[in-house]
Amino acid sequence: MTARWVVDEIKPARQLNIIWQPISLLLKNQPDPDSRFYEPTKRTYRLLRVMEAVRASEGEAAVFDLYWEYGRRIHHDQELDFNLTEALDNIGLNPTHASAYHSETYDAEIEKRHQAGLELCGDDVGTPIIAFNNRRGEKQGYFGPVITRVPPTEDSLAMWDALVTMMDVDGFWELKRTRTEHPEFGNRP
């Protein structure tokens, strides 16, 4: 939902240049192989391998296209175990990138990018992380915002502007309240 918020509402109004970075709940939480969380996080980790293969050969725009395709299939179609070569082909990327799924070639790059995100906001976070330079030119990052639906444009921009302001406040660390509703993904992008 945060990605939809940033792409649909914030990017057009604030002319953002977005670079999608990997964060892995497999690396972060290190679930026990017997845990019910292990296989899903292992699957999404392997999807990150494909994303990094795409980044290495196709660039940032292709990473976004693949991220969006993953989101459509996972969140809208409720299909975690989708056909990866079909997904790549669907967005005009070479299906041979799917071979990275079983390869450790991009593991060091995933871990480096993952750690860079955590270094910006600490280890007691999850996903999403938003990071950018504050008004002093210092790169700052926050976990969140976690939202269940994309707010109307006026509210979306107000929320973004508040986040930008908070990036400039030394000593500000956290806002939180208990989530009482599930995400409303809206129409399939």
N, C-alpha and C. Protein backbone atom coordinates (compact mmCIF):
# COMPACT_ATOMS: atom_id res chain seq x y z
N MET A 1 0.82 -1.20 0.00
CA MET A 1 0.00 0.00 0.00
C MET A 1 0.86 1.26 0.00
N THR A 2 1.98 1.20 0.72
CA THR A 2 2.85 2.38 0.74
C THR A 2 3.42 2.65 -0.64
N ALA A 3 3.76 1.60 -1.37
CA ALA A 3 4.26 1.79 -2.74
C ALA A 3 3.18 2.42 -3.62
N ARG A 4 1.96 1.94 -3.49
CA ARG A 4 0.86 2.53 -4.27
C ARG A 4 0.70 4.01 -3.91
N TRP A 5 0.77 4.34 -2.63
CA TRP A 5 0.65 5.71 -2.16
C TRP A 5 1.73 6.59 -2.79
N VAL A 6 2.97 6.13 -2.72
CA VAL A 6 4.08 6.92 -3.25
C VAL A 6 3.97 7.08 -4.76
N VAL A 7 3.69 5.99 -5.46
CA VAL A 7 3.65 6.02 -6.93
C VAL A 7 2.42 6.76 -7.45
N ASP A 8 1.25 6.46 -6.88
CA ASP A 8 0.01 7.03 -7.41
C ASP A 8 -0.23 8.47 -6.99
N GLU A 9 0.16 8.81 -5.77
CA GLU A 9 -0.19 10.14 -5.24
C GLU A 9 1.00 11.08 -5.06
N ILE A 10 2.12 10.58 -4.58
CA ILE A 10 3.23 11.47 -4.22
C ILE A 10 4.16 11.76 -5.39
N LYS A 11 4.57 10.74 -6.09
CA LYS A 11 5.53 10.92 -7.18
C LYS A 11 5.09 11.97 -8.20
N PRO A 12 3.84 11.95 -8.67
CA PRO A 12 3.45 12.96 -9.67
C PRO A 12 3.45 14.38 -9.12
N ALA A 13 3.13 14.54 -7.85
CA ALA A 13 3.02 15.88 -7.27
C ALA A 13 4.36 16.42 -6.74
N ARG A 14 5.27 15.53 -6.39
CA ARG A 14 6.53 15.95 -5.78
C ARG A 14 7.75 15.60 -6.63
N GLN A 15 7.52 15.14 -7.85
CA GLN A 15 8.58 14.83 -8.81
C GLN A 15 9.70 13.99 -8.18
N LEU A 16 9.34 12.88 -7.62
CA LEU A 16 10.31 12.01 -6.96
C LEU A 16 11.03 11.13 -7.98
N ASN A 17 12.29 10.85 -7.69
CA ASN A 17 13.06 9.84 -8.40
C ASN A 17 13.19 8.67 -7.43
N ILE A 18 12.49 7.59 -7.70
CA ILE A 18 12.41 6.48 -6.76
C ILE A 18 13.35 5.36 -7.19
N ILE A 19 14.12 4.86 -6.24
CA ILE A 19 14.95 3.68 -6.44
C ILE A 19 14.44 2.63 -5.48
N TRP A 20 13.94 1.52 -6.02
CA TRP A 20 13.40 0.43 -5.22
C TRP A 20 14.54 -0.43 -4.73
N GLN A 21 14.60 -0.64 -3.43
CA GLN A 21 15.67 -1.43 -2.83
C GLN A 21 15.09 -2.67 -2.17
N PRO A 22 15.87 -3.74 -2.10
CA PRO A 22 15.38 -4.95 -1.46
C PRO A 22 15.46 -4.88 0.07
N ILE A 23 14.47 -5.43 0.71
CA ILE A 23 14.54 -5.74 2.13
C ILE A 23 13.98 -7.16 2.23
N SER A 24 14.66 -7.98 2.98
CA SER A 24 14.29 -9.39 3.07
C SER A 24 13.89 -9.75 4.49
N LEU A 25 12.67 -10.22 4.64
CA LEU A 25 12.24 -10.70 5.96
C LEU A 25 12.90 -12.03 6.30
N LEU A 26 13.42 -12.74 5.31
CA LEU A 26 14.21 -13.94 5.58
C LEU A 26 15.52 -13.55 6.27
N LEU A 27 16.20 -12.55 5.74
CA LEU A 27 17.44 -12.07 6.37
C LEU A 27 17.16 -11.39 7.70
N LYS A 28 16.15 -10.57 7.74
CA LYS A 28 15.85 -9.76 8.92
C LYS A 28 15.40 -10.62 10.09
N ASN A 29 14.42 -11.48 9.86
CA ASN A 29 13.81 -12.24 10.96
C ASN A 29 14.42 -13.62 11.17
N GLN A 30 15.14 -14.12 10.17
CA GLN A 30 15.77 -15.44 10.24
C GLN A 30 14.86 -16.50 10.85
N PRO A 31 13.71 -16.74 10.21
CA PRO A 31 12.78 -17.72 10.76
C PRO A 31 13.38 -19.14 10.73
N ASP A 32 13.03 -19.91 11.71
CA ASP A 32 13.45 -21.30 11.78
C ASP A 32 12.90 -22.05 10.56
N PRO A 33 13.69 -22.94 9.94
CA PRO A 33 13.18 -23.68 8.77
C PRO A 33 11.89 -24.46 9.03
N ASP A 34 11.59 -24.77 10.29
CA ASP A 34 10.34 -25.46 10.61
C ASP A 34 9.17 -24.51 10.81
N SER A 35 9.44 -23.21 10.83
CA SER A 35 8.41 -22.19 11.04
C SER A 35 7.53 -22.05 9.81
N ARG A 36 6.29 -21.66 10.01
CA ARG A 36 5.39 -21.41 8.87
C ARG A 36 5.81 -20.18 8.07
N PHE A 37 6.69 -19.37 8.63
CA PHE A 37 7.16 -18.16 7.94
C PHE A 37 8.36 -18.43 7.03
N TYR A 38 9.00 -19.57 7.22
CA TYR A 38 10.24 -19.82 6.49
C TYR A 38 10.03 -19.90 4.98
N GLU A 39 9.15 -20.76 4.52
CA GLU A 39 8.97 -20.94 3.08
C GLU A 39 8.51 -19.67 2.36
N PRO A 40 7.51 -18.94 2.91
CA PRO A 40 7.13 -17.69 2.22
C PRO A 40 8.26 -16.66 2.16
N THR A 41 9.04 -16.53 3.23
CA THR A 41 10.13 -15.55 3.20
C THR A 41 11.28 -16.03 2.32
N LYS A 42 11.47 -17.33 2.24
CA LYS A 42 12.49 -17.88 1.33
C LYS A 42 12.07 -17.61 -0.11
N ARG A 43 10.80 -17.79 -0.41
CA ARG A 43 10.28 -17.53 -1.76
C ARG A 43 10.48 -16.06 -2.13
N THR A 44 10.11 -15.15 -1.24
CA THR A 44 10.25 -13.73 -1.58
C THR A 44 11.72 -13.33 -1.66
N TYR A 45 12.57 -13.97 -0.86
CA TYR A 45 14.01 -13.71 -0.99
C TYR A 45 14.50 -14.09 -2.39
N ARG A 46 14.06 -15.23 -2.86
CA ARG A 46 14.47 -15.67 -4.19
C ARG A 46 13.91 -14.76 -5.28
N LEU A 47 12.74 -14.17 -5.05
CA LEU A 47 12.21 -13.18 -5.99
C LEU A 47 13.11 -11.95 -6.03
N LEU A 48 13.72 -11.62 -4.88
CA LEU A 48 14.68 -10.51 -4.85
C LEU A 48 15.90 -10.81 -5.71
N ARG A 49 16.31 -12.07 -5.75
CA ARG A 49 17.44 -12.45 -6.61
C ARG A 49 17.12 -12.09 -8.06
N VAL A 50 15.92 -12.40 -8.49
CA VAL A 50 15.52 -12.09 -9.86
C VAL A 50 15.50 -10.57 -10.05
N MET A 51 15.00 -9.86 -9.05
CA MET A 51 14.95 -8.40 -9.13
C MET A 51 16.36 -7.81 -9.30
N GLU A 52 17.32 -8.35 -8.56
CA GLU A 52 18.68 -7.83 -8.68
C GLU A 52 19.31 -8.21 -10.01
N ALA A 53 18.97 -9.37 -10.56
CA ALA A 53 19.44 -9.74 -11.89
C ALA A 53 18.90 -8.75 -12.93
N VAL A 54 17.64 -8.41 -12.78
CA VAL A 54 17.01 -7.43 -13.67
C VAL A 54 17.68 -6.07 -13.51
N ARG A 55 17.93 -5.64 -12.26
CA ARG A 55 18.58 -4.34 -12.03
C ARG A 55 19.96 -4.31 -12.72
N ALA A 56 20.72 -5.40 -12.58
CA ALA A 56 22.08 -5.45 -13.12
C ALA A 56 22.10 -5.32 -14.64
N SER A 57 21.10 -5.87 -15.31
CA SER A 57 21.16 -5.84 -16.78
C SER A 57 20.17 -4.89 -17.44
N GLU A 58 19.08 -4.56 -16.74
CA GLU A 58 18.03 -3.76 -17.37
C GLU A 58 17.86 -2.37 -16.76
N GLY A 59 18.33 -2.15 -15.53
CA GLY A 59 18.24 -0.84 -14.91
C GLY A 59 17.06 -0.67 -13.97
N GLU A 60 16.98 0.52 -13.38
CA GLU A 60 16.00 0.82 -12.33
C GLU A 60 14.55 0.79 -12.80
N ALA A 61 14.28 1.26 -14.00
CA ALA A 61 12.90 1.27 -14.50
C ALA A 61 12.36 -0.15 -14.59
N ALA A 62 13.19 -1.08 -15.00
CA ALA A 62 12.77 -2.47 -15.10
C ALA A 62 12.54 -3.07 -13.72
N VAL A 63 13.32 -2.63 -12.72
CA VAL A 63 13.11 -3.10 -11.34
C VAL A 63 11.72 -2.69 -10.88
N PHE A 64 11.34 -1.46 -11.16
CA PHE A 64 10.00 -1.01 -10.78
C PHE A 64 8.93 -1.84 -11.47
N ASP A 65 9.10 -2.07 -12.76
CA ASP A 65 8.11 -2.86 -13.49
C ASP A 65 7.95 -4.25 -12.88
N LEU A 66 9.07 -4.85 -12.50
CA LEU A 66 9.01 -6.19 -11.90
C LEU A 66 8.40 -6.13 -10.51
N TYR A 67 8.77 -5.12 -9.72
CA TYR A 67 8.18 -4.95 -8.39
C TYR A 67 6.66 -4.84 -8.49
N TRP A 68 6.21 -4.06 -9.45
CA TRP A 68 4.76 -3.86 -9.65
C TRP A 68 4.10 -5.17 -10.08
N GLU A 69 4.77 -5.92 -10.94
CA GLU A 69 4.22 -7.20 -11.38
C GLU A 69 4.14 -8.17 -10.21
N TYR A 70 5.17 -8.21 -9.39
CA TYR A 70 5.13 -9.05 -8.18
C TYR A 70 3.93 -8.64 -7.32
N GLY A 71 3.75 -7.34 -7.11
CA GLY A 71 2.65 -6.85 -6.28
C GLY A 71 1.29 -7.24 -6.82
N ARG A 72 1.11 -7.12 -8.13
CA ARG A 72 -0.16 -7.52 -8.75
C ARG A 72 -0.46 -8.99 -8.48
N ARG A 73 0.53 -9.81 -8.69
CA ARG A 73 0.32 -11.26 -8.56
C ARG A 73 0.15 -11.68 -7.10
N ILE A 74 0.97 -11.13 -6.23
CA ILE A 74 0.92 -11.54 -4.81
C ILE A 74 -0.29 -10.94 -4.10
N HIS A 75 -0.49 -9.64 -4.22
CA HIS A 75 -1.52 -8.98 -3.43
C HIS A 75 -2.90 -8.97 -4.08
N HIS A 76 -2.95 -8.80 -5.38
CA HIS A 76 -4.25 -8.75 -6.06
C HIS A 76 -4.75 -10.13 -6.47
N ASP A 77 -3.82 -10.94 -6.99
CA ASP A 77 -4.22 -12.27 -7.46
C ASP A 77 -4.10 -13.33 -6.37
N GLN A 78 -3.52 -12.94 -5.21
CA GLN A 78 -3.32 -13.88 -4.09
C GLN A 78 -2.55 -15.12 -4.55
N GLU A 79 -1.52 -14.89 -5.34
CA GLU A 79 -0.76 -15.98 -5.94
C GLU A 79 0.72 -15.82 -5.59
N LEU A 80 1.15 -16.42 -4.49
CA LEU A 80 2.56 -16.30 -4.09
C LEU A 80 3.46 -17.16 -4.97
N ASP A 81 2.99 -18.30 -5.38
CA ASP A 81 3.80 -19.24 -6.15
C ASP A 81 3.47 -19.14 -7.64
N PHE A 82 3.60 -17.95 -8.20
CA PHE A 82 3.25 -17.73 -9.60
C PHE A 82 4.39 -18.15 -10.53
N ASN A 83 4.08 -18.26 -11.80
CA ASN A 83 5.05 -18.63 -12.82
C ASN A 83 5.94 -17.41 -13.10
N LEU A 84 7.20 -17.52 -12.73
CA LEU A 84 8.12 -16.39 -12.81
C LEU A 84 8.47 -16.01 -14.25
N THR A 85 8.69 -17.00 -15.11
CA THR A 85 9.00 -16.67 -16.50
C THR A 85 7.82 -15.98 -17.17
N GLU A 86 6.62 -16.39 -16.83
CA GLU A 86 5.42 -15.74 -17.36
C GLU A 86 5.32 -14.29 -16.86
N ALA A 87 5.64 -14.08 -15.59
CA ALA A 87 5.60 -12.72 -15.03
C ALA A 87 6.61 -11.81 -15.72
N LEU A 88 7.82 -12.31 -15.94
CA LEU A 88 8.84 -11.52 -16.64
C LEU A 88 8.41 -11.21 -18.06
N ASP A 89 7.93 -12.21 -18.75
CA ASP A 89 7.47 -12.03 -20.14
C ASP A 89 6.30 -11.05 -20.21
N ASN A 90 5.43 -11.09 -19.22
CA ASN A 90 4.25 -10.22 -19.19
C ASN A 90 4.62 -8.73 -19.18
N ILE A 91 5.77 -8.40 -18.62
CA ILE A 91 6.18 -6.99 -18.57
C ILE A 91 7.32 -6.68 -19.55
N GLY A 92 7.57 -7.60 -20.47
CA GLY A 92 8.54 -7.36 -21.53
C GLY A 92 9.98 -7.58 -21.13
N LEU A 93 10.21 -8.33 -20.06
CA LEU A 93 11.58 -8.65 -19.65
C LEU A 93 11.92 -10.07 -20.09
N ASN A 94 13.18 -10.28 -20.33
CA ASN A 94 13.64 -11.58 -20.78
C ASN A 94 13.37 -12.64 -19.71
N PRO A 95 12.61 -13.67 -20.05
CA PRO A 95 12.29 -14.73 -19.07
C PRO A 95 13.51 -15.46 -18.53
N THR A 96 14.67 -15.34 -19.19
CA THR A 96 15.86 -16.01 -18.68
C THR A 96 16.33 -15.44 -17.34
N HIS A 97 15.85 -14.24 -16.98
CA HIS A 97 16.17 -13.69 -15.65
C HIS A 97 15.68 -14.60 -14.54
N ALA A 98 14.69 -15.43 -14.83
CA ALA A 98 14.14 -16.34 -13.82
C ALA A 98 15.20 -17.30 -13.29
N SER A 99 16.25 -17.53 -14.05
CA SER A 99 17.31 -18.45 -13.59
C SER A 99 18.00 -17.93 -12.32
N ALA A 100 17.94 -16.63 -12.07
CA ALA A 100 18.55 -16.07 -10.86
C ALA A 100 17.84 -16.55 -9.59
N TYR A 101 16.62 -17.00 -9.72
CA TYR A 101 15.83 -17.47 -8.58
C TYR A 101 16.57 -18.53 -7.77
N HIS A 102 17.28 -19.42 -8.44
CA HIS A 102 17.99 -20.52 -7.77
C HIS A 102 19.49 -20.26 -7.66
N SER A 103 19.93 -19.09 -8.03
CA SER A 103 21.36 -18.77 -8.04
C SER A 103 21.73 -17.87 -6.86
N GLU A 104 22.90 -18.07 -6.31
CA GLU A 104 23.38 -17.22 -5.22
C GLU A 104 24.16 -16.01 -5.73
N THR A 105 24.19 -15.81 -7.04
CA THR A 105 24.98 -14.75 -7.66
C THR A 105 24.69 -13.37 -7.07
N TYR A 106 23.44 -13.08 -6.77
CA TYR A 106 23.07 -11.74 -6.31
C TYR A 106 22.85 -11.65 -4.80
N ASP A 107 23.15 -12.71 -4.07
CA ASP A 107 22.92 -12.72 -2.62
C ASP A 107 23.71 -11.63 -1.89
N ALA A 108 24.97 -11.43 -2.26
CA ALA A 108 25.78 -10.40 -1.59
C ALA A 108 25.20 -9.01 -1.86
N GLU A 109 24.72 -8.77 -3.08
CA GLU A 109 24.12 -7.47 -3.42
C GLU A 109 22.83 -7.25 -2.64
N ILE A 110 22.02 -8.29 -2.53
CA ILE A 110 20.78 -8.18 -1.75
C ILE A 110 21.11 -7.85 -0.31
N GLU A 111 22.05 -8.57 0.27
CA GLU A 111 22.41 -8.33 1.67
C GLU A 111 22.97 -6.92 1.86
N LYS A 112 23.80 -6.45 0.94
CA LYS A 112 24.37 -5.10 1.04
C LYS A 112 23.27 -4.04 1.00
N ARG A 113 22.35 -4.16 0.07
CA ARG A 113 21.27 -3.18 -0.05
C ARG A 113 20.30 -3.28 1.13
N HIS A 114 20.02 -4.49 1.56
CA HIS A 114 19.17 -4.73 2.73
C HIS A 114 19.78 -4.05 3.97
N GLN A 115 21.05 -4.29 4.20
CA GLN A 115 21.73 -3.71 5.36
C GLN A 115 21.78 -2.18 5.29
N ALA A 116 21.94 -1.64 4.10
CA ALA A 116 21.97 -0.18 3.94
C ALA A 116 20.66 0.44 4.41
N GLY A 117 19.54 -0.22 4.11
CA GLY A 117 18.25 0.28 4.58
C GLY A 117 18.14 0.21 6.09
N LEU A 118 18.56 -0.89 6.67
CA LEU A 118 18.48 -1.03 8.13
C LEU A 118 19.42 -0.05 8.84
N GLU A 119 20.57 0.23 8.24
CA GLU A 119 21.50 1.19 8.84
C GLU A 119 20.90 2.59 8.94
N LEU A 120 19.96 2.90 8.05
CA LEU A 120 19.33 4.22 8.07
C LEU A 120 18.30 4.37 9.18
N CYS A 121 17.69 3.27 9.59
CA CYS A 121 16.60 3.42 10.56
C CYS A 121 16.64 2.40 11.70
N GLY A 122 17.64 1.57 11.76
CA GLY A 122 17.77 0.64 12.87
C GLY A 122 17.22 -0.74 12.55
N ASP A 123 17.51 -1.67 13.43
CA ASP A 123 17.16 -3.06 13.21
C ASP A 123 15.76 -3.41 13.71
N ASP A 124 15.15 -2.54 14.47
CA ASP A 124 13.83 -2.81 15.06
C ASP A 124 12.73 -2.31 14.15
N VAL A 125 12.83 -2.66 12.86
CA VAL A 125 11.87 -2.19 11.86
C VAL A 125 11.52 -3.34 10.93
N GLY A 126 10.62 -3.05 10.02
CA GLY A 126 10.24 -4.01 8.99
C GLY A 126 10.21 -3.31 7.65
N THR A 127 9.20 -3.62 6.90
CA THR A 127 9.05 -3.03 5.59
C THR A 127 7.68 -2.36 5.51
N PRO A 128 7.58 -1.20 4.93
CA PRO A 128 8.52 -0.52 4.05
C PRO A 128 9.46 0.40 4.82
N ILE A 129 10.55 0.73 4.17
CA ILE A 129 11.47 1.77 4.64
C ILE A 129 11.48 2.83 3.54
N ILE A 130 11.33 4.07 3.95
CA ILE A 130 11.45 5.20 3.03
C ILE A 130 12.66 6.00 3.47
N ALA A 131 13.51 6.35 2.51
CA ALA A 131 14.72 7.11 2.83
C ALA A 131 14.94 8.19 1.78
N PHE A 132 15.45 9.32 2.24
CA PHE A 132 15.85 10.39 1.33
C PHE A 132 16.71 11.37 2.12
N ASN A 133 17.31 12.32 1.43
CA ASN A 133 18.13 13.33 2.09
C ASN A 133 17.24 14.38 2.72
N ASN A 134 17.54 14.71 3.98
CA ASN A 134 16.80 15.78 4.64
C ASN A 134 17.33 17.14 4.16
N ARG A 135 16.81 18.21 4.72
CA ARG A 135 17.20 19.54 4.22
C ARG A 135 18.67 19.86 4.45
N ARG A 136 19.33 19.13 5.37
CA ARG A 136 20.76 19.32 5.61
C ARG A 136 21.61 18.42 4.72
N GLY A 137 20.94 17.66 3.84
CA GLY A 137 21.65 16.77 2.93
C GLY A 137 22.06 15.45 3.55
N GLU A 138 21.53 15.14 4.74
CA GLU A 138 21.83 13.88 5.42
C GLU A 138 20.79 12.84 5.01
N LYS A 139 21.25 11.66 4.62
CA LYS A 139 20.32 10.61 4.26
C LYS A 139 19.68 10.07 5.53
N GLN A 140 18.35 10.08 5.55
CA GLN A 140 17.57 9.62 6.69
C GLN A 140 16.59 8.55 6.20
N GLY A 141 16.20 7.66 7.10
CA GLY A 141 15.23 6.65 6.73
C GLY A 141 14.27 6.38 7.87
N TYR A 142 13.06 5.97 7.50
CA TYR A 142 12.04 5.59 8.46
C TYR A 142 11.38 4.30 8.01
N PHE A 143 10.97 3.51 8.97
CA PHE A 143 10.08 2.39 8.71
C PHE A 143 8.69 2.98 8.58
N GLY A 144 8.04 2.68 7.46
CA GLY A 144 6.68 3.16 7.26
C GLY A 144 6.62 4.24 6.21
N PRO A 145 5.48 4.84 6.06
CA PRO A 145 4.27 4.60 6.83
C PRO A 145 3.59 3.29 6.41
N VAL A 146 3.00 2.65 7.38
CA VAL A 146 2.19 1.46 7.13
C VAL A 146 0.76 1.96 7.01
N ILE A 147 0.18 1.78 5.84
CA ILE A 147 -1.18 2.25 5.59
C ILE A 147 -2.01 1.11 5.03
N THR A 148 -3.30 1.18 5.25
CA THR A 148 -4.19 0.12 4.75
C THR A 148 -4.89 0.51 3.45
N ARG A 149 -4.82 1.78 3.08
CA ARG A 149 -5.37 2.23 1.81
C ARG A 149 -4.69 3.55 1.44
N VAL A 150 -4.73 3.87 0.17
CA VAL A 150 -4.14 5.12 -0.30
C VAL A 150 -5.11 6.25 0.03
N PRO A 151 -4.65 7.22 0.81
CA PRO A 151 -5.53 8.35 1.14
C PRO A 151 -5.82 9.21 -0.10
N PRO A 152 -6.88 9.99 -0.05
CA PRO A 152 -7.13 10.95 -1.14
C PRO A 152 -5.91 11.86 -1.32
N THR A 153 -5.78 12.43 -2.49
CA THR A 153 -4.59 13.19 -2.84
C THR A 153 -4.21 14.24 -1.79
N GLU A 154 -5.15 15.05 -1.35
CA GLU A 154 -4.83 16.10 -0.38
C GLU A 154 -4.25 15.51 0.91
N ASP A 155 -4.87 14.45 1.40
CA ASP A 155 -4.36 13.80 2.61
C ASP A 155 -3.03 13.11 2.35
N SER A 156 -2.88 12.51 1.19
CA SER A 156 -1.62 11.85 0.84
C SER A 156 -0.47 12.84 0.85
N LEU A 157 -0.68 13.99 0.23
CA LEU A 157 0.39 14.99 0.17
C LEU A 157 0.68 15.58 1.54
N ALA A 158 -0.34 15.77 2.34
CA ALA A 158 -0.13 16.27 3.71
C ALA A 158 0.69 15.27 4.52
N MET A 159 0.37 13.99 4.36
CA MET A 159 1.12 12.96 5.08
C MET A 159 2.57 12.93 4.61
N TRP A 160 2.79 13.01 3.31
CA TRP A 160 4.15 13.03 2.76
C TRP A 160 4.92 14.24 3.30
N ASP A 161 4.30 15.40 3.23
CA ASP A 161 4.98 16.62 3.70
C ASP A 161 5.32 16.53 5.19
N ALA A 162 4.46 15.89 5.96
CA ALA A 162 4.76 15.69 7.39
C ALA A 162 5.95 14.76 7.55
N LEU A 163 6.02 13.71 6.75
CA LEU A 163 7.16 12.80 6.81
C LEU A 163 8.45 13.53 6.46
N VAL A 164 8.40 14.35 5.42
CA VAL A 164 9.58 15.14 5.03
C VAL A 164 10.00 16.04 6.19
N THR A 165 9.04 16.68 6.84
CA THR A 165 9.35 17.56 7.98
C THR A 165 9.98 16.77 9.12
N MET A 166 9.43 15.59 9.41
CA MET A 166 9.97 14.78 10.50
C MET A 166 11.41 14.35 10.23
N MET A 167 11.79 14.19 8.97
CA MET A 167 13.16 13.83 8.63
C MET A 167 14.15 14.90 9.08
N ASP A 168 13.68 16.11 9.24
CA ASP A 168 14.54 17.22 9.64
C ASP A 168 14.63 17.42 11.15
N VAL A 169 13.84 16.67 11.91
CA VAL A 169 13.78 16.88 13.36
C VAL A 169 14.70 15.88 14.06
N ASP A 170 15.81 16.39 14.58
CA ASP A 170 16.71 15.54 15.35
C ASP A 170 15.98 15.03 16.59
N GLY A 171 16.17 13.78 16.90
CA GLY A 171 15.55 13.22 18.08
C GLY A 171 14.18 12.60 17.85
N PHE A 172 13.60 12.79 16.65
CA PHE A 172 12.31 12.15 16.37
C PHE A 172 12.57 10.73 15.91
N TRP A 173 11.85 9.76 16.51
CA TRP A 173 12.11 8.36 16.19
C TRP A 173 10.90 7.58 15.74
N GLU A 174 9.74 7.77 16.34
CA GLU A 174 8.69 6.79 16.08
C GLU A 174 7.30 7.36 16.32
N LEU A 175 6.37 6.93 15.47
CA LEU A 175 4.93 7.07 15.67
C LEU A 175 4.35 5.68 15.48
N LYS A 176 3.36 5.29 16.25
CA LYS A 176 2.78 3.97 16.05
C LYS A 176 1.42 3.91 16.71
N ARG A 177 0.52 3.16 16.09
CA ARG A 177 -0.73 2.76 16.72
C ARG A 177 -1.09 1.39 16.18
N THR A 178 -1.89 0.68 16.93
CA THR A 178 -2.25 -0.67 16.55
C THR A 178 -3.14 -0.66 15.31
N ARG A 179 -2.80 -1.50 14.37
CA ARG A 179 -3.58 -1.61 13.13
C ARG A 179 -4.83 -2.43 13.41
N THR A 180 -5.98 -1.90 13.01
CA THR A 180 -7.26 -2.57 13.27
C THR A 180 -7.99 -2.98 11.99
N GLU A 181 -7.34 -2.82 10.83
CA GLU A 181 -7.96 -3.20 9.57
C GLU A 181 -6.91 -3.76 8.62
N HIS A 182 -7.36 -4.53 7.66
CA HIS A 182 -6.48 -5.13 6.66
C HIS A 182 -6.31 -4.19 5.48
N PRO A 183 -5.23 -4.35 4.71
CA PRO A 183 -5.05 -3.51 3.53
C PRO A 183 -6.19 -3.66 2.53
N GLU A 184 -6.53 -2.55 1.90
CA GLU A 184 -7.50 -2.51 0.82
C GLU A 184 -6.72 -2.17 -0.44
N PHE A 185 -6.37 -3.19 -1.23
CA PHE A 185 -5.46 -2.99 -2.35
C PHE A 185 -6.05 -2.24 -3.53
N GLY A 186 -7.35 -2.13 -3.58
CA GLY A 186 -7.96 -1.39 -4.69
C GLY A 186 -7.86 -2.15 -5.99
N ASN A 187 -8.02 -1.45 -7.09
CA ASN A 187 -7.96 -2.07 -8.41
C ASN A 187 -6.56 -2.55 -8.73
N ARG A 188 -6.48 -3.62 -9.47
CA ARG A 188 -5.20 -4.19 -9.88
C ARG A 188 -4.50 -3.20 -10.83
N PRO A 189 -3.29 -2.74 -10.44
CA PRO A 189 -2.60 -1.77 -11.31
C PRO A 189 -2.09 -2.40 -12.60
